[in-house]
Amino acid sequence: MKSHTRYYLTFFSVSMLGIQPIRASSNVYVSFYEFGFVGRLHSHNYGKSHSTRPLNPKSPSWITLEPKEVEELIIKYGKDDLSASQIGVKLRDQHSIPLVKPIIKKTITKVLEENDLKTELPEDLNNIVKKAIGLQKHLKANKGDNRNVRSLELIEAKVHRLSVYYKKIGRIPQKWKYKSIIAQLE
């Protein structure tokens, strides 16, 4: 059920003397979705919390590294088995590089793909599968935790939804299937 708010409409009439408001009481219900707030997937919440990306798409002036050096850093961290987001955090924190794309004109994932360092599963799918495995272990140890049974169902729904998308774009094989028992063994 959407959260609605009651608004009173104010109409404006233009006359020779200027703009005058005309107030009209109305039963107009407007959802927040129309204002650009997007609801969360498996909750009844709306949210705006997120990190803010740099506004300027140009390379920052304080970066002294050449694009080739940044690429070499990405390859080095990729060989250390860091994920793309972990590499981005490391570049941001240790080398003060807010975004890689304006500097080298490629994303971290593209650089890893070009150097055969990409993982079998995409990072977001892998993280959700790990979360499902952890929750399965928890449920095996805590049989009476009925609330998290539903949480596991929601997580597995996300896995299936993401896998359909990645099969469509060809990132994972068409025969890949998430099965909870097999996932525990991996």
N, C-alpha and C. Protein backbone atom coordinates (compact mmCIF):
# COMPACT_ATOMS: atom_id res chain seq x y z
N MET A 1 0.84 -1.18 0.00
CA MET A 1 0.00 0.00 0.00
C MET A 1 0.88 1.24 0.00
N LYS A 2 0.60 2.15 -0.88
CA LYS A 2 1.43 3.34 -0.99
C LYS A 2 1.10 4.34 0.11
N SER A 3 2.08 5.08 0.51
CA SER A 3 1.88 6.15 1.49
C SER A 3 1.39 7.39 0.74
N HIS A 4 0.27 7.90 1.17
CA HIS A 4 -0.32 9.05 0.49
C HIS A 4 -0.43 10.21 1.46
N THR A 5 -0.42 11.39 0.92
CA THR A 5 -0.55 12.59 1.71
C THR A 5 -1.64 13.45 1.11
N ARG A 6 -2.41 14.07 1.96
CA ARG A 6 -3.49 14.93 1.47
C ARG A 6 -2.94 16.33 1.24
N TYR A 7 -3.23 16.89 0.10
CA TYR A 7 -2.77 18.22 -0.26
C TYR A 7 -3.98 19.09 -0.60
N TYR A 8 -3.86 20.36 -0.29
CA TYR A 8 -4.85 21.33 -0.73
C TYR A 8 -4.29 22.00 -1.97
N LEU A 9 -5.08 22.01 -2.99
CA LEU A 9 -4.63 22.62 -4.24
C LEU A 9 -4.79 24.14 -4.16
N THR A 10 -3.80 24.83 -4.65
CA THR A 10 -3.86 26.28 -4.73
C THR A 10 -3.75 26.65 -6.20
N PHE A 11 -4.79 27.25 -6.72
CA PHE A 11 -4.78 27.69 -8.10
C PHE A 11 -4.46 29.18 -8.13
N PHE A 12 -3.84 29.60 -9.19
CA PHE A 12 -3.48 31.00 -9.32
C PHE A 12 -4.25 31.60 -10.49
N SER A 13 -4.78 32.79 -10.26
CA SER A 13 -5.44 33.48 -11.35
C SER A 13 -4.62 34.71 -11.70
N VAL A 14 -4.46 34.94 -12.95
CA VAL A 14 -3.67 36.08 -13.40
C VAL A 14 -4.63 37.20 -13.77
N SER A 15 -4.44 38.31 -13.15
CA SER A 15 -5.27 39.47 -13.48
C SER A 15 -4.35 40.65 -13.76
N MET A 16 -4.92 41.75 -14.07
CA MET A 16 -4.13 42.94 -14.37
C MET A 16 -3.36 43.41 -13.14
N LEU A 17 -3.88 43.10 -11.98
CA LEU A 17 -3.24 43.57 -10.75
C LEU A 17 -2.10 42.66 -10.30
N GLY A 18 -2.01 41.50 -10.85
CA GLY A 18 -0.94 40.57 -10.45
C GLY A 18 -1.49 39.17 -10.26
N ILE A 19 -0.69 38.34 -9.67
CA ILE A 19 -1.09 36.95 -9.46
C ILE A 19 -1.76 36.83 -8.10
N GLN A 20 -2.96 36.27 -8.09
CA GLN A 20 -3.69 36.09 -6.84
C GLN A 20 -4.00 34.62 -6.64
N PRO A 21 -3.71 34.10 -5.45
CA PRO A 21 -4.02 32.69 -5.22
C PRO A 21 -5.50 32.46 -4.97
N ILE A 22 -6.02 31.40 -5.53
CA ILE A 22 -7.40 30.97 -5.28
C ILE A 22 -7.28 29.60 -4.61
N ARG A 23 -7.77 29.52 -3.38
CA ARG A 23 -7.62 28.30 -2.62
C ARG A 23 -8.84 27.40 -2.86
N ALA A 24 -8.58 26.14 -3.16
CA ALA A 24 -9.66 25.19 -3.37
C ALA A 24 -9.34 23.93 -2.59
N SER A 25 -10.22 23.57 -1.69
CA SER A 25 -10.03 22.35 -0.92
C SER A 25 -10.35 21.17 -1.83
N SER A 26 -9.50 20.17 -1.78
CA SER A 26 -9.70 19.05 -2.68
C SER A 26 -9.21 17.78 -2.00
N ASN A 27 -9.78 16.69 -2.36
CA ASN A 27 -9.32 15.40 -1.87
C ASN A 27 -8.33 14.82 -2.88
N VAL A 28 -7.21 15.44 -3.01
CA VAL A 28 -6.19 15.00 -3.94
C VAL A 28 -5.13 14.25 -3.15
N TYR A 29 -4.89 13.03 -3.52
CA TYR A 29 -3.87 12.22 -2.87
C TYR A 29 -2.72 12.03 -3.83
N VAL A 30 -1.55 12.37 -3.37
CA VAL A 30 -0.36 12.30 -4.22
C VAL A 30 0.63 11.35 -3.56
N SER A 31 1.14 10.41 -4.31
CA SER A 31 2.13 9.50 -3.73
C SER A 31 3.51 10.09 -3.91
N PHE A 32 4.42 9.71 -3.03
CA PHE A 32 5.78 10.22 -3.11
C PHE A 32 6.50 9.71 -4.36
N TYR A 33 6.03 8.62 -4.94
CA TYR A 33 6.66 8.07 -6.13
C TYR A 33 6.65 9.08 -7.26
N GLU A 34 5.60 9.90 -7.33
CA GLU A 34 5.51 10.89 -8.40
C GLU A 34 6.54 12.00 -8.24
N PHE A 35 7.08 12.14 -7.05
CA PHE A 35 8.09 13.16 -6.82
C PHE A 35 9.50 12.62 -6.96
N GLY A 36 9.67 11.37 -7.37
CA GLY A 36 10.99 10.84 -7.64
C GLY A 36 11.58 10.01 -6.52
N PHE A 37 10.85 9.77 -5.45
CA PHE A 37 11.34 8.88 -4.42
C PHE A 37 10.97 7.46 -4.81
N VAL A 38 11.93 6.57 -4.75
CA VAL A 38 11.69 5.20 -5.18
C VAL A 38 11.59 4.33 -3.94
N GLY A 39 10.63 3.43 -3.93
CA GLY A 39 10.44 2.54 -2.80
C GLY A 39 11.46 1.42 -2.78
N ARG A 40 11.68 0.90 -1.60
CA ARG A 40 12.59 -0.23 -1.42
C ARG A 40 11.91 -1.51 -1.90
N LEU A 41 12.70 -2.50 -2.26
CA LEU A 41 12.20 -3.70 -2.91
C LEU A 41 11.30 -4.53 -2.00
N HIS A 42 11.78 -4.93 -0.83
CA HIS A 42 11.01 -5.81 0.03
C HIS A 42 10.66 -5.15 1.35
N SER A 43 10.38 -3.87 1.34
CA SER A 43 9.95 -3.18 2.55
C SER A 43 8.94 -2.12 2.15
N HIS A 44 8.37 -1.48 3.15
CA HIS A 44 7.37 -0.46 2.87
C HIS A 44 7.97 0.93 2.99
N ASN A 45 9.24 1.06 2.79
CA ASN A 45 9.93 2.32 3.01
C ASN A 45 10.29 3.02 1.71
N TYR A 46 10.41 4.32 1.83
CA TYR A 46 11.02 5.11 0.77
C TYR A 46 12.33 5.60 1.32
N GLY A 47 13.31 5.82 0.46
CA GLY A 47 14.58 6.26 1.00
C GLY A 47 15.36 7.10 0.02
N LYS A 48 16.16 8.00 0.56
CA LYS A 48 17.01 8.84 -0.26
C LYS A 48 18.47 8.68 0.14
N SER A 49 18.76 7.81 1.07
CA SER A 49 20.11 7.68 1.59
C SER A 49 21.01 7.04 0.55
N HIS A 50 22.06 7.71 0.18
CA HIS A 50 23.03 7.19 -0.78
C HIS A 50 24.25 8.08 -0.76
N SER A 51 25.33 7.58 -1.31
CA SER A 51 26.52 8.41 -1.39
C SER A 51 26.39 9.35 -2.58
N THR A 52 27.04 10.47 -2.51
CA THR A 52 26.96 11.47 -3.56
C THR A 52 28.19 11.37 -4.44
N ARG A 53 27.97 11.19 -5.71
CA ARG A 53 29.09 11.11 -6.65
C ARG A 53 29.57 12.52 -6.97
N PRO A 54 30.84 12.65 -7.34
CA PRO A 54 31.34 13.97 -7.73
C PRO A 54 30.55 14.52 -8.92
N LEU A 55 30.29 15.82 -8.88
CA LEU A 55 29.48 16.44 -9.93
C LEU A 55 30.22 16.57 -11.24
N ASN A 56 31.49 16.95 -11.16
CA ASN A 56 32.24 17.24 -12.36
C ASN A 56 32.77 15.95 -13.00
N PRO A 57 32.44 15.69 -14.27
CA PRO A 57 32.91 14.45 -14.90
C PRO A 57 34.38 14.51 -15.34
N LYS A 58 35.05 15.65 -15.10
CA LYS A 58 36.45 15.78 -15.49
C LYS A 58 37.36 15.17 -14.43
N SER A 59 38.56 14.87 -14.84
CA SER A 59 39.56 14.33 -13.90
C SER A 59 39.95 15.43 -12.90
N PRO A 60 39.97 15.11 -11.59
CA PRO A 60 40.32 16.12 -10.59
C PRO A 60 41.75 16.63 -10.77
N SER A 61 41.97 17.88 -10.39
CA SER A 61 43.28 18.51 -10.59
C SER A 61 44.33 17.99 -9.63
N TRP A 62 43.94 17.44 -8.48
CA TRP A 62 44.92 17.02 -7.48
C TRP A 62 45.53 15.64 -7.76
N ILE A 63 45.03 14.94 -8.76
CA ILE A 63 45.56 13.61 -9.06
C ILE A 63 46.83 13.74 -9.88
N THR A 64 47.91 13.17 -9.35
CA THR A 64 49.21 13.25 -10.01
C THR A 64 49.52 11.99 -10.81
N LEU A 65 48.74 10.94 -10.63
CA LEU A 65 48.99 9.68 -11.34
C LEU A 65 48.53 9.77 -12.79
N GLU A 66 49.28 9.14 -13.65
CA GLU A 66 48.91 9.05 -15.07
C GLU A 66 47.85 7.94 -15.22
N PRO A 67 47.06 7.99 -16.29
CA PRO A 67 46.04 6.95 -16.51
C PRO A 67 46.63 5.54 -16.54
N LYS A 68 47.82 5.40 -17.11
CA LYS A 68 48.45 4.08 -17.17
C LYS A 68 48.79 3.57 -15.77
N GLU A 69 49.24 4.48 -14.90
CA GLU A 69 49.57 4.09 -13.52
C GLU A 69 48.32 3.67 -12.75
N VAL A 70 47.21 4.37 -12.99
CA VAL A 70 45.96 4.01 -12.33
C VAL A 70 45.51 2.62 -12.78
N GLU A 71 45.64 2.35 -14.08
CA GLU A 71 45.29 1.03 -14.61
C GLU A 71 46.17 -0.06 -13.99
N GLU A 72 47.46 0.23 -13.83
CA GLU A 72 48.36 -0.74 -13.21
C GLU A 72 47.98 -1.01 -11.75
N LEU A 73 47.55 0.03 -11.04
CA LEU A 73 47.08 -0.15 -9.66
C LEU A 73 45.85 -1.06 -9.62
N ILE A 74 44.93 -0.85 -10.55
CA ILE A 74 43.72 -1.67 -10.61
C ILE A 74 44.09 -3.12 -10.86
N ILE A 75 45.02 -3.35 -11.80
CA ILE A 75 45.46 -4.71 -12.12
C ILE A 75 46.15 -5.35 -10.91
N LYS A 76 46.97 -4.56 -10.23
CA LYS A 76 47.68 -5.06 -9.05
C LYS A 76 46.70 -5.48 -7.96
N TYR A 77 45.71 -4.63 -7.68
CA TYR A 77 44.72 -4.96 -6.66
C TYR A 77 43.81 -6.10 -7.12
N GLY A 78 43.55 -6.19 -8.42
CA GLY A 78 42.76 -7.30 -8.95
C GLY A 78 43.46 -8.63 -8.78
N LYS A 79 44.78 -8.64 -8.92
CA LYS A 79 45.55 -9.87 -8.71
C LYS A 79 45.59 -10.27 -7.24
N ASP A 80 45.34 -9.30 -6.35
CA ASP A 80 45.27 -9.59 -4.91
C ASP A 80 43.88 -10.08 -4.51
N ASP A 81 43.06 -10.43 -5.49
CA ASP A 81 41.70 -10.93 -5.29
C ASP A 81 40.78 -9.95 -4.59
N LEU A 82 40.90 -8.67 -4.90
CA LEU A 82 39.96 -7.67 -4.41
C LEU A 82 38.84 -7.50 -5.43
N SER A 83 37.63 -7.27 -4.95
CA SER A 83 36.51 -7.04 -5.86
C SER A 83 36.60 -5.62 -6.42
N ALA A 84 35.77 -5.33 -7.42
CA ALA A 84 35.81 -4.01 -8.06
C ALA A 84 35.47 -2.90 -7.06
N SER A 85 34.50 -3.13 -6.19
CA SER A 85 34.16 -2.10 -5.22
C SER A 85 35.26 -1.93 -4.17
N GLN A 86 35.92 -3.01 -3.79
CA GLN A 86 37.03 -2.91 -2.85
C GLN A 86 38.20 -2.16 -3.48
N ILE A 87 38.43 -2.38 -4.76
CA ILE A 87 39.49 -1.65 -5.47
C ILE A 87 39.15 -0.16 -5.50
N GLY A 88 37.88 0.16 -5.77
CA GLY A 88 37.45 1.56 -5.79
C GLY A 88 37.63 2.24 -4.45
N VAL A 89 37.31 1.53 -3.38
CA VAL A 89 37.47 2.09 -2.03
C VAL A 89 38.95 2.30 -1.73
N LYS A 90 39.78 1.34 -2.13
CA LYS A 90 41.22 1.46 -1.88
C LYS A 90 41.82 2.64 -2.67
N LEU A 91 41.40 2.80 -3.91
CA LEU A 91 41.88 3.93 -4.71
C LEU A 91 41.41 5.26 -4.12
N ARG A 92 40.19 5.27 -3.62
CA ARG A 92 39.66 6.50 -3.02
C ARG A 92 40.39 6.85 -1.73
N ASP A 93 40.61 5.87 -0.87
CA ASP A 93 41.17 6.13 0.44
C ASP A 93 42.69 6.30 0.44
N GLN A 94 43.39 5.51 -0.36
CA GLN A 94 44.85 5.53 -0.31
C GLN A 94 45.48 6.43 -1.37
N HIS A 95 44.79 6.58 -2.50
CA HIS A 95 45.38 7.35 -3.60
C HIS A 95 44.57 8.60 -3.95
N SER A 96 43.53 8.89 -3.19
CA SER A 96 42.64 10.04 -3.37
C SER A 96 42.10 10.16 -4.80
N ILE A 97 41.65 9.03 -5.34
CA ILE A 97 41.02 9.01 -6.67
C ILE A 97 39.53 8.78 -6.45
N PRO A 98 38.69 9.81 -6.61
CA PRO A 98 37.26 9.65 -6.33
C PRO A 98 36.54 8.75 -7.33
N LEU A 99 36.86 8.91 -8.60
CA LEU A 99 36.28 8.08 -9.66
C LEU A 99 37.35 7.74 -10.67
N VAL A 100 37.33 6.50 -11.14
CA VAL A 100 38.35 6.04 -12.08
C VAL A 100 37.97 6.40 -13.52
N LYS A 101 36.69 6.35 -13.82
CA LYS A 101 36.24 6.53 -15.21
C LYS A 101 36.66 7.85 -15.85
N PRO A 102 36.58 9.00 -15.16
CA PRO A 102 37.05 10.23 -15.82
C PRO A 102 38.55 10.25 -16.11
N ILE A 103 39.32 9.46 -15.39
CA ILE A 103 40.77 9.46 -15.57
C ILE A 103 41.19 8.53 -16.70
N ILE A 104 40.71 7.28 -16.67
CA ILE A 104 41.17 6.30 -17.67
C ILE A 104 40.13 6.00 -18.74
N LYS A 105 38.95 6.64 -18.65
CA LYS A 105 37.87 6.49 -19.63
C LYS A 105 37.30 5.06 -19.67
N LYS A 106 37.53 4.30 -18.60
CA LYS A 106 36.99 2.94 -18.47
C LYS A 106 36.62 2.71 -17.02
N THR A 107 35.73 1.77 -16.80
CA THR A 107 35.39 1.42 -15.42
C THR A 107 36.38 0.40 -14.89
N ILE A 108 36.37 0.20 -13.58
CA ILE A 108 37.26 -0.78 -12.96
C ILE A 108 36.93 -2.18 -13.48
N THR A 109 35.65 -2.47 -13.63
CA THR A 109 35.24 -3.78 -14.13
C THR A 109 35.76 -4.04 -15.53
N LYS A 110 35.72 -3.02 -16.40
CA LYS A 110 36.23 -3.17 -17.77
C LYS A 110 37.72 -3.47 -17.76
N VAL A 111 38.47 -2.78 -16.92
CA VAL A 111 39.91 -3.00 -16.83
C VAL A 111 40.19 -4.43 -16.36
N LEU A 112 39.43 -4.90 -15.39
CA LEU A 112 39.60 -6.28 -14.90
C LEU A 112 39.25 -7.30 -15.98
N GLU A 113 38.20 -7.02 -16.76
CA GLU A 113 37.81 -7.92 -17.85
C GLU A 113 38.88 -7.99 -18.92
N GLU A 114 39.47 -6.84 -19.27
CA GLU A 114 40.50 -6.80 -20.31
C GLU A 114 41.75 -7.59 -19.90
N ASN A 115 42.00 -7.69 -18.61
CA ASN A 115 43.18 -8.39 -18.13
C ASN A 115 42.85 -9.76 -17.54
N ASP A 116 41.70 -10.32 -17.91
CA ASP A 116 41.26 -11.65 -17.48
C ASP A 116 41.28 -11.82 -15.97
N LEU A 117 40.84 -10.82 -15.25
CA LEU A 117 40.79 -10.87 -13.79
C LEU A 117 39.36 -10.82 -13.25
N LYS A 118 38.38 -10.90 -14.15
CA LYS A 118 37.00 -10.81 -13.67
C LYS A 118 36.59 -12.12 -13.01
N THR A 119 35.65 -12.03 -12.09
CA THR A 119 35.19 -13.20 -11.35
C THR A 119 34.15 -13.98 -12.15
N GLU A 120 33.89 -15.20 -11.71
CA GLU A 120 32.89 -16.02 -12.39
C GLU A 120 31.51 -15.38 -12.30
N LEU A 121 31.15 -15.00 -11.08
CA LEU A 121 29.85 -14.34 -10.85
C LEU A 121 30.06 -12.85 -10.70
N PRO A 122 29.10 -12.04 -11.14
CA PRO A 122 29.17 -10.61 -10.87
C PRO A 122 29.17 -10.36 -9.36
N GLU A 123 29.75 -9.25 -8.97
CA GLU A 123 29.96 -8.97 -7.55
C GLU A 123 28.67 -8.90 -6.75
N ASP A 124 27.64 -8.22 -7.29
CA ASP A 124 26.40 -8.09 -6.54
C ASP A 124 25.69 -9.43 -6.37
N LEU A 125 25.71 -10.25 -7.41
CA LEU A 125 25.10 -11.58 -7.32
C LEU A 125 25.86 -12.45 -6.33
N ASN A 126 27.17 -12.37 -6.37
CA ASN A 126 28.01 -13.15 -5.45
C ASN A 126 27.74 -12.74 -3.99
N ASN A 127 27.60 -11.44 -3.74
CA ASN A 127 27.33 -10.98 -2.38
C ASN A 127 25.98 -11.47 -1.87
N ILE A 128 24.98 -11.48 -2.74
CA ILE A 128 23.66 -11.93 -2.30
C ILE A 128 23.67 -13.44 -2.05
N VAL A 129 24.39 -14.19 -2.88
CA VAL A 129 24.50 -15.64 -2.66
C VAL A 129 25.20 -15.93 -1.34
N LYS A 130 26.27 -15.17 -1.03
CA LYS A 130 26.96 -15.34 0.25
C LYS A 130 26.04 -15.03 1.42
N LYS A 131 25.21 -13.99 1.27
CA LYS A 131 24.28 -13.64 2.33
C LYS A 131 23.27 -14.76 2.54
N ALA A 132 22.79 -15.37 1.44
CA ALA A 132 21.83 -16.47 1.54
C ALA A 132 22.47 -17.68 2.23
N ILE A 133 23.72 -17.97 1.90
CA ILE A 133 24.41 -19.11 2.52
C ILE A 133 24.58 -18.87 4.02
N GLY A 134 24.96 -17.64 4.39
CA GLY A 134 25.10 -17.33 5.82
C GLY A 134 23.79 -17.46 6.57
N LEU A 135 22.70 -17.05 5.93
CA LEU A 135 21.39 -17.14 6.56
C LEU A 135 20.94 -18.60 6.67
N GLN A 136 21.30 -19.42 5.67
CA GLN A 136 20.97 -20.85 5.74
C GLN A 136 21.69 -21.52 6.90
N LYS A 137 22.96 -21.18 7.10
CA LYS A 137 23.71 -21.73 8.22
C LYS A 137 23.08 -21.30 9.54
N HIS A 138 22.65 -20.05 9.62
CA HIS A 138 22.01 -19.55 10.83
C HIS A 138 20.70 -20.32 11.10
N LEU A 139 19.92 -20.54 10.05
CA LEU A 139 18.64 -21.24 10.22
C LEU A 139 18.84 -22.70 10.58
N LYS A 140 19.94 -23.28 10.11
CA LYS A 140 20.23 -24.67 10.46
C LYS A 140 20.55 -24.79 11.95
N ALA A 141 21.24 -23.79 12.49
CA ALA A 141 21.61 -23.81 13.91
C ALA A 141 20.45 -23.34 14.78
N ASN A 142 19.57 -22.48 14.26
CA ASN A 142 18.46 -21.92 15.04
C ASN A 142 17.14 -22.28 14.37
N LYS A 143 16.65 -23.46 14.68
CA LYS A 143 15.46 -23.98 14.01
C LYS A 143 14.20 -23.15 14.29
N GLY A 144 14.13 -22.50 15.43
CA GLY A 144 12.92 -21.76 15.79
C GLY A 144 12.84 -20.36 15.25
N ASP A 145 13.83 -19.93 14.48
CA ASP A 145 13.86 -18.55 13.97
C ASP A 145 13.00 -18.46 12.70
N ASN A 146 11.70 -18.32 12.92
CA ASN A 146 10.77 -18.32 11.78
C ASN A 146 10.81 -17.02 10.99
N ARG A 147 11.18 -15.95 11.64
CA ARG A 147 11.21 -14.66 10.95
C ARG A 147 12.24 -14.66 9.83
N ASN A 148 13.38 -15.26 10.08
CA ASN A 148 14.43 -15.24 9.07
C ASN A 148 14.20 -16.25 7.95
N VAL A 149 13.22 -17.14 8.12
CA VAL A 149 12.85 -18.00 7.00
C VAL A 149 12.31 -17.13 5.87
N ARG A 150 11.48 -16.16 6.25
CA ARG A 150 10.95 -15.23 5.25
C ARG A 150 12.06 -14.38 4.65
N SER A 151 13.02 -13.96 5.46
CA SER A 151 14.16 -13.19 4.95
C SER A 151 14.94 -13.99 3.92
N LEU A 152 15.11 -15.28 4.19
CA LEU A 152 15.81 -16.13 3.23
C LEU A 152 15.03 -16.22 1.92
N GLU A 153 13.72 -16.32 2.00
CA GLU A 153 12.91 -16.36 0.77
C GLU A 153 13.08 -15.08 -0.04
N LEU A 154 13.12 -13.93 0.64
CA LEU A 154 13.28 -12.66 -0.07
C LEU A 154 14.66 -12.55 -0.70
N ILE A 155 15.69 -13.02 0.01
CA ILE A 155 17.05 -12.98 -0.54
C ILE A 155 17.15 -13.89 -1.75
N GLU A 156 16.55 -15.09 -1.65
CA GLU A 156 16.60 -16.00 -2.80
C GLU A 156 15.81 -15.45 -3.99
N ALA A 157 14.76 -14.68 -3.73
CA ALA A 157 14.02 -14.04 -4.82
C ALA A 157 14.92 -13.02 -5.53
N LYS A 158 15.72 -12.30 -4.74
CA LYS A 158 16.67 -11.34 -5.34
C LYS A 158 17.71 -12.06 -6.18
N VAL A 159 18.18 -13.21 -5.70
CA VAL A 159 19.16 -14.00 -6.45
C VAL A 159 18.58 -14.40 -7.79
N HIS A 160 17.36 -14.92 -7.78
CA HIS A 160 16.73 -15.36 -9.03
C HIS A 160 16.48 -14.20 -9.97
N ARG A 161 16.06 -13.05 -9.43
CA ARG A 161 15.81 -11.88 -10.27
C ARG A 161 17.10 -11.40 -10.93
N LEU A 162 18.18 -11.34 -10.16
CA LEU A 162 19.47 -10.90 -10.71
C LEU A 162 20.01 -11.91 -11.73
N SER A 163 19.83 -13.20 -11.44
CA SER A 163 20.35 -14.21 -12.36
C SER A 163 19.64 -14.15 -13.71
N VAL A 164 18.35 -13.84 -13.71
CA VAL A 164 17.63 -13.68 -14.98
C VAL A 164 18.22 -12.54 -15.79
N TYR A 165 18.52 -11.43 -15.11
CA TYR A 165 19.11 -10.28 -15.80
C TYR A 165 20.49 -10.64 -16.36
N TYR A 166 21.34 -11.27 -15.55
CA TYR A 166 22.69 -11.57 -16.02
C TYR A 166 22.70 -12.64 -17.10
N LYS A 167 21.73 -13.54 -17.11
CA LYS A 167 21.62 -14.50 -18.21
C LYS A 167 21.22 -13.78 -19.49
N LYS A 168 20.33 -12.79 -19.34
CA LYS A 168 19.86 -12.05 -20.52
C LYS A 168 20.99 -11.28 -21.19
N ILE A 169 21.89 -10.68 -20.39
CA ILE A 169 22.98 -9.91 -20.99
C ILE A 169 24.22 -10.77 -21.27
N GLY A 170 24.15 -12.07 -20.90
CA GLY A 170 25.24 -12.98 -21.22
C GLY A 170 26.41 -12.94 -20.26
N ARG A 171 26.23 -12.42 -19.08
CA ARG A 171 27.33 -12.34 -18.10
C ARG A 171 27.55 -13.66 -17.39
N ILE A 172 26.47 -14.45 -17.20
CA ILE A 172 26.60 -15.79 -16.62
C ILE A 172 26.01 -16.78 -17.61
N PRO A 173 26.41 -18.05 -17.53
CA PRO A 173 25.88 -19.05 -18.47
C PRO A 173 24.37 -19.24 -18.32
N GLN A 174 23.72 -19.61 -19.41
CA GLN A 174 22.27 -19.83 -19.39
C GLN A 174 21.87 -20.97 -18.48
N LYS A 175 22.76 -21.91 -18.25
CA LYS A 175 22.44 -23.08 -17.41
C LYS A 175 22.70 -22.83 -15.93
N TRP A 176 23.22 -21.66 -15.59
CA TRP A 176 23.50 -21.38 -14.17
C TRP A 176 22.20 -21.32 -13.41
N LYS A 177 22.17 -22.00 -12.27
CA LYS A 177 20.96 -22.01 -11.45
C LYS A 177 21.36 -21.97 -9.99
N TYR A 178 20.66 -21.17 -9.23
CA TYR A 178 20.91 -21.11 -7.79
C TYR A 178 20.06 -22.16 -7.11
N LYS A 179 20.74 -23.04 -6.41
CA LYS A 179 20.03 -24.04 -5.60
C LYS A 179 20.62 -23.94 -4.21
N SER A 180 19.75 -23.85 -3.22
CA SER A 180 20.21 -23.57 -1.87
C SER A 180 21.14 -24.67 -1.33
N ILE A 181 20.90 -25.93 -1.67
CA ILE A 181 21.73 -27.01 -1.15
C ILE A 181 23.11 -26.96 -1.81
N ILE A 182 23.16 -26.70 -3.09
CA ILE A 182 24.44 -26.63 -3.80
C ILE A 182 25.23 -25.41 -3.33
N ALA A 183 24.54 -24.31 -3.09
CA ALA A 183 25.21 -23.09 -2.65
C ALA A 183 25.90 -23.29 -1.30
N GLN A 184 25.33 -24.12 -0.43
CA GLN A 184 25.96 -24.38 0.86
C GLN A 184 27.28 -25.12 0.71
N LEU A 185 27.37 -25.97 -0.31
CA LEU A 185 28.58 -26.78 -0.49
C LEU A 185 29.74 -25.98 -1.08
N GLU A 186 29.42 -24.91 -1.81
CA GLU A 186 30.47 -24.14 -2.48
C GLU A 186 31.24 -23.27 -1.53
